[in-house]
Amino acid sequence: MALESVSYIDDFVITNPVATDDVAQGDDHIRNIKKGIAASFPNFAGIAMTSTEAELNVLDGVTGGTTTASKALVVGSSSELDVLTVTSLTAPAIGTLSNADLVISPNGTGDVDFNVCSIMIDTGEGIKDAGGDEYIVFTETSTPVNYIGITQADTGAGPIIAAAGSDSNINLNLTPKGSGGVVVNGSFVTAETSTRSGAGAIPVTASLCEITSTGADAMTLADGVEGQHLTLLFVTDGGDATITPSNFANGTTITFADVNDSCDLVFTNSNWYMKGAGYGAPVVA
């Protein structure tokens, strides 16, 4: 009888047994088959194999540590991946992992780097600390066009938090909760200054307006926004400057006659209110 020596499946001789072999020695061939299969699949003992032919063929030609199109994802001996490109990534949702976190941990001092893209966060969600407590929570409006811009700074300058968006004029709102206030730790500096030279409208886009008269000038002051503060300072005296606010709780007009005349105004309840006057107090009529 032609009988091969078998250790694994690849030791089988396909042409054995031959037609002239003694039937009584068929048990030797059967034992060879069992031996080869058991040795080639040592970890299959007691396990039901359910993979289909197509599923097993996915592994064909795959080398540990690499992956190609239409092939299984196989990692190296240390479960590492050097490069992974995906079109969609979803956190696991199997059994008890239905609320599992998706953890991205760069190696060493590496960063999570988002190239030419934004991070999308659902309304009511935000950024949390390691214990799950909120740092920042984001709230979406129905048709947002304005937003906050943040700019870092070089040596000698401070970073910038600015209103940005498609509108031409955008307020930057700081809104405390309940009876809380806006606390400034350090000096408060007003950087925006506007000017008014000659007759015309006083700008209400800055907290300080420097006024120059070129004669007996008539000036106007439009309504501000609720809670707005405005300081008027007379810097050049070419004649009296008479200011007529659209709505003025203390009178009708404010007249500056001398350089360094000034007044502080606040807009509330649909009116400008004078809080105080500086050197050479202006005339209120």
C-alpha atoms as a PDB file:
ATOM      1  CA  MET A   1       0.000   0.000   0.000  1.00  0.00           C
ATOM      2  CA  ALA A   2       1.227   3.520  -0.831  1.00  0.00           C
ATOM      3  CA  LEU A   3       1.158   5.278   2.545  1.00  0.00           C
ATOM      4  CA  GLU A   4       2.737   8.726   3.093  1.00  0.00           C
ATOM      5  CA  SER A   5       4.241  10.008   6.356  1.00  0.00           C
ATOM      6  CA  VAL A   6       1.939  12.813   7.576  1.00  0.00           C
ATOM      7  CA  SER A   7       2.565  15.575  10.118  1.00  0.00           C
ATOM      8  CA  TYR A   8       0.373  18.328   8.633  1.00  0.00           C
ATOM      9  CA  ILE A   9      -2.162  18.739   5.838  1.00  0.00           C
ATOM     10  CA  ASP A  10       0.468  19.678   3.276  1.00  0.00           C
ATOM     11  CA  ASP A  11       2.021  16.183   3.714  1.00  0.00           C
ATOM     12  CA  PHE A  12      -1.034  14.531   2.142  1.00  0.00           C
ATOM     13  CA  VAL A  13      -0.458  12.809  -1.219  1.00  0.00           C
ATOM     14  CA  ILE A  14      -3.599  13.434  -3.228  1.00  0.00           C
ATOM     15  CA  THR A  15      -3.204  10.229  -5.324  1.00  0.00           C
ATOM     16  CA  ASN A  16      -3.186   7.947  -2.250  1.00  0.00           C
ATOM     17  CA  PRO A  17      -4.566   5.411  -1.721  1.00  0.00           C
ATOM     18  CA  VAL A  18      -4.144   3.826  -5.135  1.00  0.00           C
ATOM     19  CA  ALA A  19      -6.669   1.351  -6.602  1.00  0.00           C
ATOM     20  CA  THR A  20      -4.423  -1.664  -5.943  1.00  0.00           C
ATOM     21  CA  ASP A  21      -3.982  -0.947  -2.214  1.00  0.00           C
ATOM     22  CA  ASP A  22      -5.195  -3.478   0.337  1.00  0.00           C
ATOM     23  CA  VAL A  23      -8.563  -2.378   1.706  1.00  0.00           C
ATOM     24  CA  ALA A  24      -7.546  -3.697   5.115  1.00  0.00           C
ATOM     25  CA  GLN A  25      -4.973  -0.883   5.381  1.00  0.00           C
ATOM     26  CA  GLY A  26      -7.565   1.876   4.838  1.00  0.00           C
ATOM     27  CA  ASP A  27      -7.507   2.652   8.575  1.00  0.00           C
ATOM     28  CA  ASP A  28      -3.906   3.859   8.204  1.00  0.00           C
ATOM     29  CA  HIS A  29      -5.030   6.456   5.675  1.00  0.00           C
ATOM     30  CA  ILE A  30      -7.913   7.593   7.900  1.00  0.00           C
ATOM     31  CA  ARG A  31      -5.538   8.041  10.848  1.00  0.00           C
ATOM     32  CA  ASN A  32      -3.205  10.099   8.628  1.00  0.00           C
ATOM     33  CA  ILE A  33      -6.099  12.390   7.690  1.00  0.00           C
ATOM     34  CA  LYS A  34      -7.083  12.922  11.327  1.00  0.00           C
ATOM     35  CA  LYS A  35      -3.483  13.485  12.375  1.00  0.00           C
ATOM     36  CA  GLY A  36      -2.814  16.048   9.637  1.00  0.00           C
ATOM     37  CA  ILE A  37      -6.017  18.042  10.278  1.00  0.00           C
ATOM     38  CA  ALA A  38      -5.614  18.062  14.076  1.00  0.00           C
ATOM     39  CA  ALA A  39      -1.969  19.176  13.854  1.00  0.00           C
ATOM     40  CA  SER A  40      -2.718  21.901  11.299  1.00  0.00           C
ATOM     41  CA  PHE A  41      -5.619  23.344  13.374  1.00  0.00           C
ATOM     42  CA  PRO A  42      -4.481  22.801  16.985  1.00  0.00           C
ATOM     43  CA  ASN A  43      -6.723  25.545  18.444  1.00  0.00           C
ATOM     44  CA  PHE A  44      -9.965  24.323  16.877  1.00  0.00           C
ATOM     45  CA  ALA A  45     -10.546  21.564  19.437  1.00  0.00           C
ATOM     46  CA  GLY A  46     -14.075  21.867  20.795  1.00  0.00           C
ATOM     47  CA  ILE A  47     -14.805  24.994  18.683  1.00  0.00           C
ATOM     48  CA  ALA A  48     -17.555  25.089  16.051  1.00  0.00           C
ATOM     49  CA  MET A  49     -16.178  26.700  12.890  1.00  0.00           C
ATOM     50  CA  THR A  50     -18.885  28.996  11.427  1.00  0.00           C
ATOM     51  CA  SER A  51     -16.887  31.110   8.953  1.00  0.00           C
ATOM     52  CA  THR A  52     -17.982  30.856   5.334  1.00  0.00           C
ATOM     53  CA  GLU A  53     -15.707  30.258   2.372  1.00  0.00           C
ATOM     54  CA  ALA A  54     -16.028  33.927   1.363  1.00  0.00           C
ATOM     55  CA  GLU A  55     -15.141  35.085   4.870  1.00  0.00           C
ATOM     56  CA  LEU A  56     -12.053  32.912   5.037  1.00  0.00           C
ATOM     57  CA  ASN A  57     -10.975  34.068   1.572  1.00  0.00           C
ATOM     58  CA  VAL A  58     -10.843  37.646   2.892  1.00  0.00           C
ATOM     59  CA  LEU A  59      -7.731  36.587   4.809  1.00  0.00           C
ATOM     60  CA  ASP A  60      -6.042  35.306   1.666  1.00  0.00           C
ATOM     61  CA  GLY A  61      -2.695  36.993   1.121  1.00  0.00           C
ATOM     62  CA  VAL A  62      -2.888  39.202   4.220  1.00  0.00           C
ATOM     63  CA  THR A  63       0.369  39.731   6.095  1.00  0.00           C
ATOM     64  CA  GLY A  64       0.271  40.610   9.778  1.00  0.00           C
ATOM     65  CA  GLY A  65       0.569  44.349  10.353  1.00  0.00           C
ATOM     66  CA  THR A  66      -0.841  45.419   6.956  1.00  0.00           C
ATOM     67  CA  THR A  67      -4.262  45.814   5.381  1.00  0.00           C
ATOM     68  CA  THR A  68      -5.391  46.294   1.802  1.00  0.00           C
ATOM     69  CA  ALA A  69      -8.673  46.948   0.036  1.00  0.00           C
ATOM     70  CA  SER A  70     -11.247  44.151   0.512  1.00  0.00           C
ATOM     71  CA  LYS A  71      -8.938  42.451   3.013  1.00  0.00           C
ATOM     72  CA  ALA A  72      -9.250  41.919   6.757  1.00  0.00           C
ATOM     73  CA  LEU A  73      -7.660  44.363   9.167  1.00  0.00           C
ATOM     74  CA  VAL A  74      -4.717  42.561  10.755  1.00  0.00           C
ATOM     75  CA  VAL A  75      -2.373  44.101  13.284  1.00  0.00           C
ATOM     76  CA  GLY A  76       1.125  43.162  14.334  1.00  0.00           C
ATOM     77  CA  SER A  77       2.142  41.088  17.323  1.00  0.00           C
ATOM     78  CA  SER A  78       1.829  44.131  19.596  1.00  0.00           C
ATOM     79  CA  SER A  79      -1.599  45.106  18.173  1.00  0.00           C
ATOM     80  CA  GLU A  80      -0.123  48.226  16.570  1.00  0.00           C
ATOM     81  CA  LEU A  81      -1.282  50.138  13.494  1.00  0.00           C
ATOM     82  CA  ASP A  82       1.090  52.548  11.817  1.00  0.00           C
ATOM     83  CA  VAL A  83      -1.447  54.068   9.380  1.00  0.00           C
ATOM     84  CA  LEU A  84      -5.228  53.681   9.322  1.00  0.00           C
ATOM     85  CA  THR A  85      -7.426  55.458   6.775  1.00  0.00           C
ATOM     86  CA  VAL A  86     -11.192  55.203   7.221  1.00  0.00           C
ATOM     87  CA  THR A  87     -14.216  56.836   5.627  1.00  0.00           C
ATOM     88  CA  SER A  88     -16.417  56.480   8.721  1.00  0.00           C
ATOM     89  CA  LEU A  89     -15.590  55.700  12.324  1.00  0.00           C
ATOM     90  CA  THR A  90     -18.181  54.701  14.925  1.00  0.00           C
ATOM     91  CA  ALA A  91     -17.654  53.829  18.588  1.00  0.00           C
ATOM     92  CA  PRO A  92     -18.374  50.160  19.394  1.00  0.00           C
ATOM     93  CA  ALA A  93     -21.999  49.331  20.191  1.00  0.00           C
ATOM     94  CA  ILE A  94     -22.013  45.619  21.020  1.00  0.00           C
ATOM     95  CA  GLY A  95     -23.675  44.159  24.107  1.00  0.00           C
ATOM     96  CA  THR A  96     -22.497  45.992  27.195  1.00  0.00           C
ATOM     97  CA  LEU A  97     -20.452  48.384  25.017  1.00  0.00           C
ATOM     98  CA  SER A  98     -23.537  50.289  23.819  1.00  0.00           C
ATOM     99  CA  ASN A  99     -22.284  53.476  25.536  1.00  0.00           C
ATOM    100  CA  ALA A 100     -18.563  52.934  25.050  1.00  0.00           C
ATOM    101  CA  ASP A 101     -16.136  55.825  24.632  1.00  0.00           C
ATOM    102  CA  LEU A 102     -14.048  56.149  21.502  1.00  0.00           C
ATOM    103  CA  VAL A 103     -10.547  56.658  22.910  1.00  0.00           C
ATOM    104  CA  ILE A 104      -7.837  58.159  20.699  1.00  0.00           C
ATOM    105  CA  SER A 105      -4.431  57.966  22.390  1.00  0.00           C
ATOM    106  CA  PRO A 106      -1.430  59.291  20.420  1.00  0.00           C
ATOM    107  CA  ASN A 107       1.923  57.710  21.075  1.00  0.00           C
ATOM    108  CA  GLY A 108       4.286  59.519  23.458  1.00  0.00           C
ATOM    109  CA  THR A 109       4.101  63.281  22.902  1.00  0.00           C
ATOM    110  CA  GLY A 110       2.101  62.906  19.669  1.00  0.00           C
ATOM    111  CA  ASP A 111      -1.049  64.978  19.087  1.00  0.00           C
ATOM    112  CA  VAL A 112      -4.473  64.312  17.611  1.00  0.00           C
ATOM    113  CA  ASP A 113      -4.029  66.337  14.409  1.00  0.00           C
ATOM    114  CA  PHE A 114      -7.068  67.449  12.378  1.00  0.00           C
ATOM    115  CA  ASN A 115      -5.825  68.481   8.930  1.00  0.00           C
ATOM    116  CA  VAL A 116      -7.910  70.968   6.907  1.00  0.00           C
ATOM    117  CA  CYS A 117     -11.140  70.128   8.713  1.00  0.00           C
ATOM    118  CA  SER A 118     -13.350  71.225  11.601  1.00  0.00           C
ATOM    119  CA  ILE A 119     -14.619  69.412  14.676  1.00  0.00           C
ATOM    120  CA  MET A 120     -18.424  69.062  14.660  1.00  0.00           C
ATOM    121  CA  ILE A 121     -20.137  69.036  18.073  1.00  0.00           C
ATOM    122  CA  ASP A 122     -23.871  68.517  18.549  1.00  0.00           C
ATOM    123  CA  THR A 123     -25.798  71.219  20.426  1.00  0.00           C
ATOM    124  CA  GLY A 124     -25.782  70.629  24.162  1.00  0.00           C
ATOM    125  CA  GLU A 125     -22.474  68.753  23.934  1.00  0.00           C
ATOM    126  CA  GLY A 126     -19.013  70.127  24.594  1.00  0.00           C
ATOM    127  CA  ILE A 127     -15.557  69.503  26.003  1.00  0.00           C
ATOM    128  CA  LYS A 128     -15.174  67.631  29.302  1.00  0.00           C
ATOM    129  CA  ASP A 129     -12.389  66.854  31.747  1.00  0.00           C
ATOM    130  CA  ALA A 130     -11.104  63.359  32.495  1.00  0.00           C
ATOM    131  CA  GLY A 131     -13.846  62.908  35.096  1.00  0.00           C
ATOM    132  CA  GLY A 132     -16.632  63.716  32.612  1.00  0.00           C
ATOM    133  CA  ASP A 133     -17.329  67.241  33.946  1.00  0.00           C
ATOM    134  CA  GLU A 134     -17.909  70.065  31.471  1.00  0.00           C
ATOM    135  CA  TYR A 135     -15.284  72.613  30.488  1.00  0.00           C
ATOM    136  CA  ILE A 136     -17.398  74.144  27.690  1.00  0.00           C
ATOM    137  CA  VAL A 137     -20.926  73.383  26.427  1.00  0.00           C
ATOM    138  CA  PHE A 138     -22.002  74.509  22.957  1.00  0.00           C
ATOM    139  CA  THR A 139     -25.537  75.622  22.045  1.00  0.00           C
ATOM    140  CA  GLU A 140     -26.635  75.923  18.412  1.00  0.00           C
ATOM    141  CA  THR A 141     -29.026  78.598  17.122  1.00  0.00           C
ATOM    142  CA  SER A 142     -31.449  78.104  14.233  1.00  0.00           C
ATOM    143  CA  THR A 143     -29.509  79.984  11.518  1.00  0.00           C
ATOM    144  CA  PRO A 144     -26.091  80.927  12.917  1.00  0.00           C
ATOM    145  CA  VAL A 145     -23.881  83.340  10.952  1.00  0.00           C
ATOM    146  CA  ASN A 146     -21.770  84.922  13.723  1.00  0.00           C
ATOM    147  CA  TYR A 147     -19.291  83.224  16.002  1.00  0.00           C
ATOM    148  CA  ILE A 148     -16.197  83.686  18.184  1.00  0.00           C
ATOM    149  CA  GLY A 149     -12.730  83.919  16.688  1.00  0.00           C
ATOM    150  CA  ILE A 150      -9.659  83.131  18.806  1.00  0.00           C
ATOM    151  CA  THR A 151      -6.190  84.291  17.785  1.00  0.00           C
ATOM    152  CA  GLN A 152      -2.942  83.436  19.547  1.00  0.00           C
ATOM    153  CA  ALA A 153      -0.243  86.072  20.061  1.00  0.00           C
ATOM    154  CA  ASP A 154       3.491  86.499  19.655  1.00  0.00           C
ATOM    155  CA  THR A 155       5.783  87.778  22.403  1.00  0.00           C
ATOM    156  CA  GLY A 156       4.696  91.147  23.787  1.00  0.00           C
ATOM    157  CA  ALA A 157       1.046  90.871  22.745  1.00  0.00           C
ATOM    158  CA  GLY A 158      -2.058  89.285  24.188  1.00  0.00           C
ATOM    159  CA  PRO A 159      -4.300  86.649  22.575  1.00  0.00           C
ATOM    160  CA  ILE A 160      -7.570  87.809  21.058  1.00  0.00           C
ATOM    161  CA  ILE A 161     -11.150  86.670  21.609  1.00  0.00           C
ATOM    162  CA  ALA A 162     -13.219  88.465  18.983  1.00  0.00           C
ATOM    163  CA  ALA A 163     -16.704  88.454  17.500  1.00  0.00           C
ATOM    164  CA  ALA A 164     -16.619  87.238  13.886  1.00  0.00           C
ATOM    165  CA  GLY A 165     -19.111  86.301  11.180  1.00  0.00           C
ATOM    166  CA  SER A 166     -20.964  87.633   8.171  1.00  0.00           C
ATOM    167  CA  ASP A 167     -22.653  90.617   9.893  1.00  0.00           C
ATOM    168  CA  SER A 168     -20.888  93.985   9.593  1.00  0.00           C
ATOM    169  CA  ASN A 169     -21.316  94.950  13.247  1.00  0.00           C
ATOM    170  CA  ILE A 170     -21.350  92.218  15.893  1.00  0.00           C
ATOM    171  CA  ASN A 171     -21.553  92.545  19.663  1.00  0.00           C
ATOM    172  CA  LEU A 172     -19.483  90.283  21.902  1.00  0.00           C
ATOM    173  CA  ASN A 173     -21.813  89.321  24.753  1.00  0.00           C
ATOM    174  CA  LEU A 174     -20.720  88.264  28.243  1.00  0.00           C
ATOM    175  CA  THR A 175     -23.813  87.091  30.115  1.00  0.00           C
ATOM    176  CA  PRO A 176     -23.583  86.068  33.783  1.00  0.00           C
ATOM    177  CA  LYS A 177     -26.091  83.634  35.277  1.00  0.00           C
ATOM    178  CA  GLY A 178     -28.588  84.787  37.882  1.00  0.00           C
ATOM    179  CA  SER A 179     -27.114  87.431  40.179  1.00  0.00           C
ATOM    180  CA  GLY A 180     -23.558  86.721  39.013  1.00  0.00           C
ATOM    181  CA  GLY A 181     -21.471  89.455  37.435  1.00  0.00           C
ATOM    182  CA  VAL A 182     -18.693  89.851  34.899  1.00  0.00           C
ATOM    183  CA  VAL A 183     -15.462  89.871  36.935  1.00  0.00           C
ATOM    184  CA  VAL A 184     -12.296  91.325  35.422  1.00  0.00           C
ATOM    185  CA  ASN A 185      -9.170  90.171  37.249  1.00  0.00           C
ATOM    186  CA  GLY A 186      -6.739  92.942  36.434  1.00  0.00           C
ATOM    187  CA  SER A 187      -7.054  96.342  34.835  1.00  0.00           C
ATOM    188  CA  PHE A 188      -9.877  97.044  32.379  1.00  0.00           C
ATOM    189  CA  VAL A 189      -8.663  98.778  29.240  1.00  0.00           C
ATOM    190  CA  THR A 190     -10.936 100.195  26.545  1.00  0.00           C
ATOM    191  CA  ALA A 191      -9.157  99.948  23.225  1.00  0.00           C
ATOM    192  CA  GLU A 192     -11.883 101.284  20.905  1.00  0.00           C
ATOM    193  CA  THR A 193     -11.964 105.072  20.435  1.00  0.00           C
ATOM    194  CA  SER A 194     -14.054 106.958  17.882  1.00  0.00           C
ATOM    195  CA  THR A 195     -13.938 110.615  16.794  1.00  0.00           C
ATOM    196  CA  ARG A 196     -16.355 113.330  15.712  1.00  0.00           C
ATOM    197  CA  SER A 197     -15.016 116.391  13.911  1.00  0.00           C
ATOM    198  CA  GLY A 198     -17.488 119.101  13.014  1.00  0.00           C
ATOM    199  CA  ALA A 199     -21.258 118.847  12.835  1.00  0.00           C
ATOM    200  CA  GLY A 200     -22.841 115.425  12.397  1.00  0.00           C
ATOM    201  CA  ALA A 201     -23.573 112.149  14.166  1.00  0.00           C
ATOM    202  CA  ILE A 202     -21.459 110.953  17.087  1.00  0.00           C
ATOM    203  CA  PRO A 203     -20.472 107.283  16.576  1.00  0.00           C
ATOM    204  CA  VAL A 204     -21.916 104.810  19.073  1.00  0.00           C
ATOM    205  CA  THR A 205     -19.598 101.953  18.074  1.00  0.00           C
ATOM    206  CA  ALA A 206     -16.937 102.647  20.743  1.00  0.00           C
ATOM    207  CA  SER A 207     -16.981 103.417  24.450  1.00  0.00           C
ATOM    208  CA  LEU A 208     -15.030 106.685  24.023  1.00  0.00           C
ATOM    209  CA  CYS A 209     -15.626 109.428  21.465  1.00  0.00           C
ATOM    210  CA  GLU A 210     -13.190 112.338  21.094  1.00  0.00           C
ATOM    211  CA  ILE A 211     -14.955 115.457  19.850  1.00  0.00           C
ATOM    212  CA  THR A 212     -13.471 118.282  17.772  1.00  0.00           C
ATOM    213  CA  SER A 213     -15.494 121.356  16.908  1.00  0.00           C
ATOM    214  CA  THR A 214     -14.810 123.437  13.809  1.00  0.00           C
ATOM    215  CA  GLY A 215     -17.284 126.171  14.728  1.00  0.00           C
ATOM    216  CA  ALA A 216     -20.611 126.279  16.511  1.00  0.00           C
ATOM    217  CA  ASP A 217     -21.337 122.675  15.613  1.00  0.00           C
ATOM    218  CA  ALA A 218     -24.617 120.804  16.052  1.00  0.00           C
ATOM    219  CA  MET A 219     -24.092 117.100  16.707  1.00  0.00           C
ATOM    220  CA  THR A 220     -26.508 114.215  17.175  1.00  0.00           C
ATOM    221  CA  LEU A 221     -26.362 111.051  19.289  1.00  0.00           C
ATOM    222  CA  ALA A 222     -28.406 108.032  18.252  1.00  0.00           C
ATOM    223  CA  ASP A 223     -29.770 105.469  20.693  1.00  0.00           C
ATOM    224  CA  GLY A 224     -27.344 102.882  21.959  1.00  0.00           C
ATOM    225  CA  VAL A 225     -28.006  99.313  23.081  1.00  0.00           C
ATOM    226  CA  GLU A 226     -29.267  98.362  26.526  1.00  0.00           C
ATOM    227  CA  GLY A 227     -26.540  98.836  29.126  1.00  0.00           C
ATOM    228  CA  GLN A 228     -24.102 100.589  26.763  1.00  0.00           C
ATOM    229  CA  HIS A 229     -21.614 103.045  28.289  1.00  0.00           C
ATOM    230  CA  LEU A 230     -20.241 106.014  26.369  1.00  0.00           C
ATOM    231  CA  THR A 231     -17.749 108.704  27.370  1.00  0.00           C
ATOM    232  CA  LEU A 232     -17.686 111.975  25.416  1.00  0.00           C
ATOM    233  CA  LEU A 233     -14.461 114.031  25.567  1.00  0.00           C
ATOM    234  CA  PHE A 234     -14.015 117.512  24.039  1.00  0.00           C
ATOM    235  CA  VAL A 235     -10.429 117.560  22.668  1.00  0.00           C
ATOM    236  CA  THR A 236     -10.351 120.552  20.258  1.00  0.00           C
ATOM    237  CA  ASP A 237     -12.323 123.755  20.755  1.00  0.00           C
ATOM    238  CA  GLY A 238     -13.198 125.469  17.493  1.00  0.00           C
ATOM    239  CA  GLY A 239     -16.514 126.680  18.940  1.00  0.00           C
ATOM    240  CA  ASP A 240     -19.279 125.254  21.095  1.00  0.00           C
ATOM    241  CA  ALA A 241     -20.301 121.688  20.321  1.00  0.00           C
ATOM    242  CA  THR A 242     -23.988 121.090  21.051  1.00  0.00           C
ATOM    243  CA  ILE A 243     -25.065 117.446  21.174  1.00  0.00           C
ATOM    244  CA  THR A 244     -28.702 116.419  20.846  1.00  0.00           C
ATOM    245  CA  PRO A 245     -29.355 112.775  21.804  1.00  0.00           C
ATOM    246  CA  SER A 246     -32.360 111.088  20.196  1.00  0.00           C
ATOM    247  CA  ASN A 247     -33.572 110.235  23.701  1.00  0.00           C
ATOM    248  CA  PHE A 248     -31.995 111.977  26.731  1.00  0.00           C
ATOM    249  CA  ALA A 249     -33.403 111.410  30.205  1.00  0.00           C
ATOM    250  CA  ASN A 250     -31.595 114.425  31.764  1.00  0.00           C
ATOM    251  CA  GLY A 251     -32.701 117.081  29.279  1.00  0.00           C
ATOM    252  CA  THR A 252     -32.515 117.838  25.578  1.00  0.00           C
ATOM    253  CA  THR A 253     -28.938 118.863  24.762  1.00  0.00           C
ATOM    254  CA  ILE A 254     -25.367 118.646  26.052  1.00  0.00           C
ATOM    255  CA  THR A 255     -23.034 121.537  25.189  1.00  0.00           C
ATOM    256  CA  PHE A 256     -19.237 121.448  25.364  1.00  0.00           C
ATOM    257  CA  ALA A 257     -17.586 124.886  25.529  1.00  0.00           C
ATOM    258  CA  ASP A 258     -14.028 124.219  26.711  1.00  0.00           C
ATOM    259  CA  VAL A 259     -11.307 121.687  25.943  1.00  0.00           C
ATOM    260  CA  ASN A 260     -11.369 118.728  28.375  1.00  0.00           C
ATOM    261  CA  ASP A 261     -15.103 119.029  28.998  1.00  0.00           C
ATOM    262  CA  SER A 262     -16.416 115.494  29.270  1.00  0.00           C
ATOM    263  CA  CYS A 263     -19.350 113.379  30.414  1.00  0.00           C
ATOM    264  CA  ASP A 264     -20.160 109.729  31.024  1.00  0.00           C
ATOM    265  CA  LEU A 265     -23.407 108.344  29.622  1.00  0.00           C
ATOM    266  CA  VAL A 266     -25.231 105.034  29.918  1.00  0.00           C
ATOM    267  CA  PHE A 267     -28.087 103.871  27.690  1.00  0.00           C
ATOM    268  CA  THR A 268     -30.925 102.084  29.457  1.00  0.00           C
ATOM    269  CA  ASN A 269     -34.727 102.039  29.382  1.00  0.00           C
ATOM    270  CA  SER A 270     -34.598 103.571  25.851  1.00  0.00           C
ATOM    271  CA  ASN A 271     -32.737 106.697  27.047  1.00  0.00           C
ATOM    272  CA  TRP A 272     -29.233 108.053  27.494  1.00  0.00           C
ATOM    273  CA  TYR A 273     -28.555 108.957  31.134  1.00  0.00           C
ATOM    274  CA  MET A 274     -25.679 111.182  32.260  1.00  0.00           C
ATOM    275  CA  LYS A 275     -23.777 109.480  35.082  1.00  0.00           C
ATOM    276  CA  GLY A 276     -21.312 112.284  35.658  1.00  0.00           C
ATOM    277  CA  ALA A 277     -19.358 115.153  34.140  1.00  0.00           C
ATOM    278  CA  GLY A 278     -15.635 115.867  34.079  1.00  0.00           C
ATOM    279  CA  TYR A 279     -13.538 119.035  34.186  1.00  0.00           C
ATOM    280  CA  GLY A 280     -15.447 122.141  33.070  1.00  0.00           C
ATOM    281  CA  ALA A 281     -18.781 120.341  33.226  1.00  0.00           C
ATOM    282  CA  PRO A 282     -20.798 120.583  30.002  1.00  0.00           C
ATOM    283  CA  VAL A 283     -24.083 122.462  30.027  1.00  0.00           C
ATOM    284  CA  VAL A 284     -27.220 120.309  30.042  1.00  0.00           C
ATOM    285  CA  ALA A 285     -30.356 122.002  28.759  1.00  0.00           C
END
